[in-house]
Each structure stands twice: as structure tokens, then as C-alpha cells.
Protein backbone atom coordinates (compact mmCIF):
# COMPACT_ATOMS: atom_id res chain seq x y z
CA MET A 1 -0.08 0.03 -0.02
CA LEU A 2 3.10 2.64 1.16
CA ALA A 3 4.58 1.39 -2.82
CA ILE A 4 1.06 2.85 -4.19
CA GLU A 5 0.52 5.85 -2.13
CA ALA A 6 2.93 7.84 0.05
CA ARG A 7 0.97 7.83 3.11
CA ALA A 8 2.49 7.89 7.00
CA GLU A 9 -0.34 5.86 8.59
CA TYR A 10 1.31 3.08 6.09
CA ALA A 11 4.77 3.63 6.95
CA ASP A 12 3.76 4.08 10.66
CA VAL A 13 2.24 0.64 10.36
CA LEU A 14 5.64 -0.44 8.68
CA GLU A 15 7.67 0.83 11.83
CA ARG A 16 5.76 -0.85 14.90
CA ALA A 17 5.30 -4.03 13.03
CA LEU A 18 9.77 -3.81 12.69
CA TYR A 19 10.60 -2.48 16.20
CA ASN A 20 7.89 -4.35 18.19
CA ASN A 21 6.71 -7.27 16.01
CA VAL A 22 9.90 -8.70 14.43
CA ILE A 23 12.75 -7.68 16.45
CA ALA A 24 10.24 -9.32 19.81
CA GLY A 25 10.87 -12.71 18.13
CA ILE A 26 14.37 -12.76 19.48
CA ALA A 27 16.27 -12.37 22.28
CA LEU A 28 19.02 -10.27 22.79
CA ASP A 29 21.59 -13.77 22.42
CA GLY A 30 20.88 -14.21 19.07
CA LYS A 31 19.82 -17.74 19.86
CA HIS A 32 16.32 -17.94 21.29
CA TYR A 33 12.48 -16.91 19.04
CA PHE A 34 9.18 -17.07 19.43
CA TYR A 35 6.37 -18.27 17.15
CA VAL A 36 4.13 -16.41 18.87
CA ASN A 37 4.52 -12.94 20.29
CA PRO A 38 2.02 -12.43 22.88
CA LEU A 39 0.45 -9.37 24.96
CA GLU A 40 0.33 -11.33 27.52
CA VAL A 41 1.86 -13.98 29.80
CA ARG A 42 1.10 -15.82 33.29
CA PRO A 43 3.63 -18.72 32.70
CA ALA A 44 1.01 -21.03 34.61
CA ALA A 45 -1.08 -20.36 32.95
CA CYS A 46 0.80 -21.05 29.27
CA GLU A 47 2.13 -24.70 31.39
CA ARG A 48 -1.04 -25.17 33.01
CA ASN A 49 -4.46 -24.21 29.98
CA PRO A 50 -4.06 -26.55 26.94
CA GLY A 51 -5.05 -23.52 25.30
CA LEU A 52 -2.83 -22.05 25.61
CA HIS A 53 0.29 -24.35 25.21
CA HIS A 54 1.15 -22.32 22.48
CA VAL A 55 1.96 -19.38 23.93
CA LYS A 56 5.45 -20.50 24.78
CA PRO A 57 6.69 -17.84 27.95
CA THR A 58 10.33 -17.74 26.83
CA ARG A 59 12.48 -17.78 23.89
CA GLN A 60 12.95 -21.38 22.50
CA PRO A 61 16.16 -22.47 21.10
CA TRP A 62 14.66 -23.82 17.59
CA PHE A 63 11.91 -25.11 16.28
CA GLY A 64 10.94 -28.38 14.34
CA CYS A 65 8.95 -26.24 11.11
CA SER A 66 11.81 -23.29 11.40
CA CYS A 67 9.89 -20.88 8.86
CA CYS A 68 10.45 -18.14 11.04
CA PRO A 69 13.53 -17.66 12.25
CA PRO A 70 15.14 -17.82 8.81
CA ASN A 71 12.04 -15.05 7.53
CA VAL A 72 13.23 -12.70 10.06
CA ALA A 73 16.83 -12.52 9.29
CA ARG A 74 15.57 -12.00 5.64
CA LEU A 75 13.58 -9.19 6.34
CA LEU A 76 16.65 -7.28 8.81
CA ALA A 77 18.67 -8.14 5.77
CA SER A 78 16.20 -6.09 3.50
CA LEU A 79 15.65 -3.28 5.83
CA GLY A 80 17.67 -0.38 3.20
CA GLN A 81 13.96 -0.80 0.71
CA TYR A 82 12.11 -0.07 3.48
CA ILE A 83 13.48 3.46 4.08
CA TYR A 84 12.56 5.17 1.07
CA MET A 85 10.57 5.57 -1.89
CA VAL A 86 11.36 8.25 -5.03
CA ASP A 87 8.35 9.62 -6.67
CA ASP A 88 10.04 10.98 -10.20
CA ALA A 89 6.63 12.37 -11.43
CA SER A 90 6.93 15.32 -8.50
CA ARG A 91 10.77 14.88 -8.16
CA THR A 92 9.94 13.80 -4.64
CA VAL A 93 11.83 11.84 -2.25
CA TYR A 94 10.22 9.99 1.04
CA ALA A 95 11.69 9.09 3.59
CA HIS A 96 9.03 6.56 5.89
CA LEU A 97 11.73 5.55 8.30
CA TYR A 98 14.22 7.23 11.04
CA ILE A 99 17.01 4.51 10.27
CA GLY A 100 21.68 5.71 9.94
CA SER A 101 21.83 4.24 6.89
CA ASP A 102 23.90 5.88 3.54
CA SER A 103 22.03 4.81 0.38
CA GLU A 104 22.27 5.83 -3.37
CA ILE A 105 19.21 7.78 -4.13
CA SER A 106 18.13 8.64 -7.74
CA VAL A 107 15.27 11.03 -8.24
CA ASP A 108 14.28 12.16 -12.27
CA GLY A 109 18.15 11.68 -13.36
CA ILE A 110 19.55 12.45 -10.88
CA THR A 111 21.63 10.79 -8.18
CA PHE A 112 23.51 11.77 -5.10
CA LYS A 113 23.94 10.21 -1.08
CA LEU A 114 21.79 10.17 1.05
CA ILE A 115 23.17 9.50 4.94
CA GLN A 116 21.47 9.37 7.45
CA LYS A 117 22.63 9.36 11.33
CA THR A 118 19.51 9.07 14.57
CA GLY A 119 19.27 8.56 17.50
CA MET A 120 16.35 6.25 16.67
CA PRO A 121 14.72 5.04 18.11
CA TRP A 122 15.30 6.69 22.07
CA SER A 123 15.70 9.62 20.80
CA GLY A 124 13.59 11.68 17.75
CA ASP A 125 17.45 13.96 16.55
CA VAL A 126 17.37 12.78 13.18
CA THR A 127 19.95 14.15 10.52
CA PHE A 128 19.81 13.82 7.20
CA ALA A 129 23.25 14.74 4.60
CA ILE A 130 22.95 15.30 0.86
CA GLY A 131 26.48 13.94 -0.90
CA SER A 132 28.00 13.38 -3.76
CA LEU A 133 25.67 15.68 -6.14
CA SER A 134 27.22 16.68 -9.05
CA ALA A 135 25.74 19.99 -9.79
CA PRO A 136 22.63 22.19 -8.04
CA ALA A 137 19.68 19.96 -8.03
CA ALA A 138 15.80 20.63 -7.26
CA PHE A 139 13.76 18.32 -4.95
CA THR A 140 11.11 17.59 -2.44
CA LEU A 141 12.25 15.99 1.04
CA ALA A 142 9.69 14.45 2.47
CA LEU A 143 9.89 13.43 6.03
CA ARG A 144 7.18 11.56 7.32
CA MET A 145 5.45 12.68 10.47
CA PRO A 146 5.28 9.83 12.69
CA SER A 147 1.92 9.45 14.44
CA TRP A 148 3.37 9.24 17.75
CA CYS A 149 4.88 12.69 18.36
CA ASP A 150 0.77 13.03 19.10
CA GLY A 151 0.43 16.15 16.79
CA LYS A 152 3.37 18.25 18.21
CA LEU A 153 5.10 19.73 15.29
CA PRO A 154 9.25 19.29 15.03
CA ALA A 155 11.93 21.73 15.06
CA LEU A 156 13.31 21.78 11.58
CA GLN A 157 16.55 23.29 9.54
CA VAL A 158 18.38 23.15 6.89
CA ASN A 159 22.18 23.85 7.45
CA GLY A 160 21.43 25.05 11.15
CA GLU A 161 18.69 27.80 10.04
CA PRO A 162 15.49 26.38 11.71
CA VAL A 163 12.71 26.84 8.24
CA SER A 164 9.37 26.02 8.63
CA ALA A 165 7.20 23.08 6.25
CA ASP A 166 4.72 22.45 5.31
CA VAL A 167 2.92 19.06 6.64
CA THR A 168 0.95 17.32 3.93
CA PRO A 169 -2.62 15.55 4.35
CA GLU A 170 -0.50 12.72 3.74
CA GLY A 171 1.34 12.96 6.43
CA TYR A 172 5.11 14.23 5.43
CA LEU A 173 7.25 17.48 5.98
CA THR A 174 7.99 18.95 2.83
CA ILE A 175 11.35 20.79 1.75
CA ASN A 176 11.47 21.59 -1.42
CA ARG A 177 14.02 23.37 -2.38
CA THR A 178 17.23 23.42 -5.15
CA TRP A 179 20.23 21.41 -3.19
CA ILE A 180 23.77 21.91 -3.53
CA ASP A 181 26.38 18.94 -2.00
CA GLY A 182 26.74 19.30 1.54
CA ASP A 183 23.39 20.63 2.10
CA THR A 184 22.27 19.45 6.06
CA VAL A 185 18.90 18.79 7.06
CA ARG A 186 17.98 18.15 11.07
CA LEU A 187 14.82 16.88 12.07
CA GLU A 188 13.76 17.29 16.47
CA LEU A 189 11.12 14.10 16.36
CA PRO A 190 8.20 15.20 20.03
CA MET A 191 8.13 11.89 21.61
CA PRO A 192 6.21 12.05 24.43
CA ALA A 193 5.42 8.95 26.05
CA LEU A 194 1.17 7.76 24.90
CA ARG A 195 -1.39 6.09 26.89
CA LEU A 196 -3.19 4.57 23.89
CA ALA A 197 -6.49 2.69 24.21
CA ALA A 198 -7.95 0.04 21.88
CA HIS A 199 -10.84 0.20 19.74
CA PRO A 200 -14.76 -1.27 21.60
CA GLU A 201 -15.47 -3.87 19.69
CA VAL A 202 -11.42 -5.29 20.81
CA ARG A 203 -13.37 -6.00 23.87
CA VAL A 204 -10.98 -8.08 25.97
CA ASN A 205 -8.45 -4.45 26.01
CA ALA A 206 -11.96 -3.15 27.66
CA GLY A 207 -11.02 -0.29 30.40
CA LYS A 208 -6.93 -0.83 29.62
CA ILE A 209 -4.59 1.21 28.24
CA ALA A 210 -1.31 0.31 26.40
CA LEU A 211 1.70 3.04 27.14
CA GLN A 212 3.56 3.90 24.05
CA ARG A 213 7.00 6.20 23.11
CA GLY A 214 8.20 6.57 19.80
CA PRO A 215 8.19 3.68 17.87
CA PHE A 216 8.58 1.43 20.33
CA VAL A 217 4.97 0.27 22.59
CA TYR A 218 6.18 -0.87 26.49
CA CYS A 219 5.05 -3.34 28.74
CA LEU A 220 4.99 -3.83 32.05
CA GLU A 221 7.36 -6.82 33.59
CA GLU A 222 8.07 -8.86 36.31
CA ALA A 223 11.30 -8.37 36.84
CA ASP A 224 10.68 -4.52 37.49
CA ASN A 225 7.03 -5.16 39.16
CA GLU A 226 6.09 -7.15 41.91
CA GLY A 227 2.90 -9.57 40.77
CA PRO A 228 0.15 -10.11 40.16
CA LEU A 229 0.65 -8.03 37.59
CA GLN A 230 -3.33 -7.72 37.18
CA SER A 231 -3.72 -6.16 40.51
CA ILE A 232 -1.75 -2.63 38.75
CA SER A 233 -3.79 0.29 37.31
CA LEU A 234 -2.15 3.27 35.74
CA PRO A 235 -3.58 6.34 35.00
CA LEU A 236 -5.01 8.73 32.75
CA ALA A 237 -3.26 11.49 33.39
CA GLY A 238 0.39 13.11 34.77
CA ARG A 239 4.04 12.52 33.49
CA ALA A 240 5.63 9.42 32.31
CA GLU A 241 8.89 9.91 33.58
CA ILE A 242 11.73 8.34 31.42
CA GLU A 243 15.24 6.70 33.15
CA PRO A 244 17.64 4.49 32.11
CA ALA A 245 17.70 0.74 31.08
CA GLY A 246 20.53 -0.04 30.68
CA GLU A 247 20.41 -3.19 31.74
CA LEU A 248 18.34 -4.39 28.85
CA PHE A 249 20.12 -2.93 26.22
CA PRO A 250 22.90 -0.17 25.93
CA GLY A 251 20.93 3.62 25.79
CA ALA A 252 17.51 1.78 26.20
CA VAL A 253 14.94 3.49 27.76
CA ALA A 254 11.89 2.74 30.37
CA LEU A 255 9.16 4.82 31.83
CA ARG A 256 8.40 5.18 35.31
CA ILE A 257 4.96 5.79 36.59
CA ASP A 258 2.70 6.74 39.62
CA GLY A 259 0.31 4.14 39.87
CA TYR A 260 -1.93 1.80 41.58
CA ARG A 261 -2.07 -2.11 43.13
CA ASP A 262 -5.01 -3.27 44.54
CA PRO A 263 -4.93 -4.71 47.73
CA GLN A 264 -5.21 -8.72 47.85
CA LEU A 265 -9.30 -8.05 48.71
CA VAL A 266 -9.64 -12.41 48.59
CA PRO A 267 -7.90 -14.35 51.61
CA ASP A 268 -5.74 -17.16 50.07
CA GLY A 269 -7.46 -20.39 50.75
CA ALA A 270 -11.00 -18.61 49.52
CA LEU A 271 -12.49 -18.32 45.78
CA TYR A 272 -14.60 -14.70 46.66
CA GLU A 273 -15.50 -12.78 48.80
CA SER A 274 -17.88 -9.77 49.72
CA ILE A 275 -16.52 -6.00 49.82
CA THR A 276 -17.66 -2.87 49.96
CA ALA A 277 -14.70 -0.55 48.71
CA LEU A 278 -11.21 -0.93 47.21
CA HIS A 279 -8.95 1.20 48.26
CA PRO A 280 -6.22 1.49 45.53
CA GLU A 281 -2.56 1.62 47.05
CA PRO A 282 -0.06 3.57 45.39
CA SER A 283 2.98 2.00 43.34
CA SER A 284 5.81 2.56 41.76
CA VAL A 285 4.90 1.20 38.20
CA ARG A 286 8.16 0.33 35.74
CA ALA A 287 7.53 -0.60 31.88
CA VAL A 288 9.94 -0.97 29.13
CA PRO A 289 9.98 -2.21 25.93
CA TYR A 290 7.98 -5.03 24.57
CA ALA A 291 10.63 -6.14 21.95
CA LEU A 292 13.43 -5.95 24.96
CA TRP A 293 11.14 -8.68 27.18
CA GLY A 294 11.43 -11.99 27.93
CA ASN A 295 15.46 -11.45 28.79
CA ARG A 296 15.67 -11.36 32.29
CA GLY A 297 13.92 -15.07 32.98
CA MET A 298 10.83 -15.77 33.24
CA GLY A 299 7.81 -14.48 34.58
CA GLU A 300 4.65 -12.20 33.99
CA MET A 301 4.33 -9.91 31.11
CA THR A 302 1.53 -7.24 29.94
CA VAL A 303 1.06 -4.82 27.82
CA TRP A 304 -2.48 -3.63 28.60
CA VAL A 305 -3.30 -2.38 32.23
CA ARG A 306 -6.21 -1.11 33.56
CA TYR A 307 -6.94 2.63 33.70
CA ARG A 308 -8.36 4.22 36.96
């Protein structure tokens, strides 16, 4: 769909799949894999519920039918094909993904290098440099406005000077100028921590939210939050502080939110208990990128969390 029509919403789906579905399937050691990417895991349920035997609480060393691991490797090897798209008719170069790269671009017979450097996925600083351009050339550079910017416009500079750019109805910041060799564009994309709700027809997520910052969807792990995770709830308002998560991956960012935990109201040995009031206790909640979960031993995990 993106190859047929340049729309930022299509590239948003591509980016979300790459950062959350694809790389979540591989452990940080590069040797263990998921076939199923669950949004909630309770190891005891995976073990004892026959309907959940296919959901593994930890990544597996290999599979009898191993189509997914080599497909992931093939996708990563072809990643360069998805970063840019060129429309010769409008002389436009579309930047769909913010991934550090050194690409050779040809637009309407003009060939040059486009060198991208970025702090993504942990920060929104992106720089593009034009190289190997033999003569000045007029074309448009269209930069995707990710949905995770939540409508906040980025700071934009060309050769160190602030510039303004229009956002097209398709969701791209466009810079139309005559470019020369050595020109640079700097983009600072806002990365607010978002609380996402699901469509009402996704009924299992009713009354719940998910967290996202930049391209990453976040989750709660038992390694950071004492179980059961289902007793945790989050406010719909308030700041989500970022904090280092280098124990997961160099440069990784976690989210810290002041949330709540329901007290245990039903005593051990009982199944139900009559109650008249619920007084949640304040709790500091830590969320980590879903792509990095499951690398610190077995435990509960959930993406969707109750809100209050």
C-alpha cells in the first residue's frame, strides 16, 4: 500500500511491526525465538492451560518447522528497501523510516547520496546529509510525521538555520528547494509517552490502556513490578518519566509512572469474598519496551493495563 500511495499512516504500521513484532521475536543473545508474540503472559497458565500451550513464556532455542527465524533474518537483510521511496513524477524523495543509513538515491535522473544519522529509536534527533551531488538540483524531501509525535510539530533546520515546512494531508513534512552537495537537514521529533486505548470492539482490552514512546510499545514485566500484574492500574493523566534501562540494552529507555495496586481482598484458600470498598495503594510502576521483554528470566508480562 505504501508503494502505491505515500501515506504516513501506512509507514506507521510498517514501523510498529518492525520495532515491536519482528525484533521481539528474537532474544538479545540472537539464539532464541518466539513463534507467538503474546501481549500478556502468565507462565502458570501457559503450562497448565491446554489452549495456551502454543504461547511460550520464554523464547525457544529452535523449532521443528523453522520458517520464522530465517524470515526475520531475511527481513533485516532487506531493511534498506523500506527506508526511502522515490516519486520521479513529482521529484520527491520520501523518508518513511528513521534508520541510520547511507543510501544512493536516484530521482528523475539525478543521483546522489543521502546519509541519515539518528538517535532513534531512543531519541528523535535525525540528520540527513546530501552527498555526491555533482550539480545543484531541485527536488522535494518529504519526511514522515510519525503518529507517535501526537500532533506536536518537530524542530526543523536546514544547514543549521530554522525553517518551517508544511505537513501534507498524507502526513509528510516537505522541503522543496534546490539542493547542493553538503546540504544538511536536522529534525527533532517529539517523543511524548502516550497512553493508547483500543477500539471498543477489541473487547478484551476494555478499560485498559497501553503505553508507547517513539516507535516502541511498552509492557510491564514481573522483573520490575511485583506480581500479580493484573492488580496494577495506571492513571490516564500525569507524567511518565523516562529512566535508563541499560541492563536491558545499551541506551534503552524505560518509563516510570506513579500508578496503583489493588490490595489482596480475598484471603488465600478462598475463591470469592464480599467487599464494599476498594482502596488502591500507590505504586511506582516501571514499563520497558515490549521488544526487550523476556530477557531476564521467566515471569509475568502484560502490554494492556487497567486504568483509573
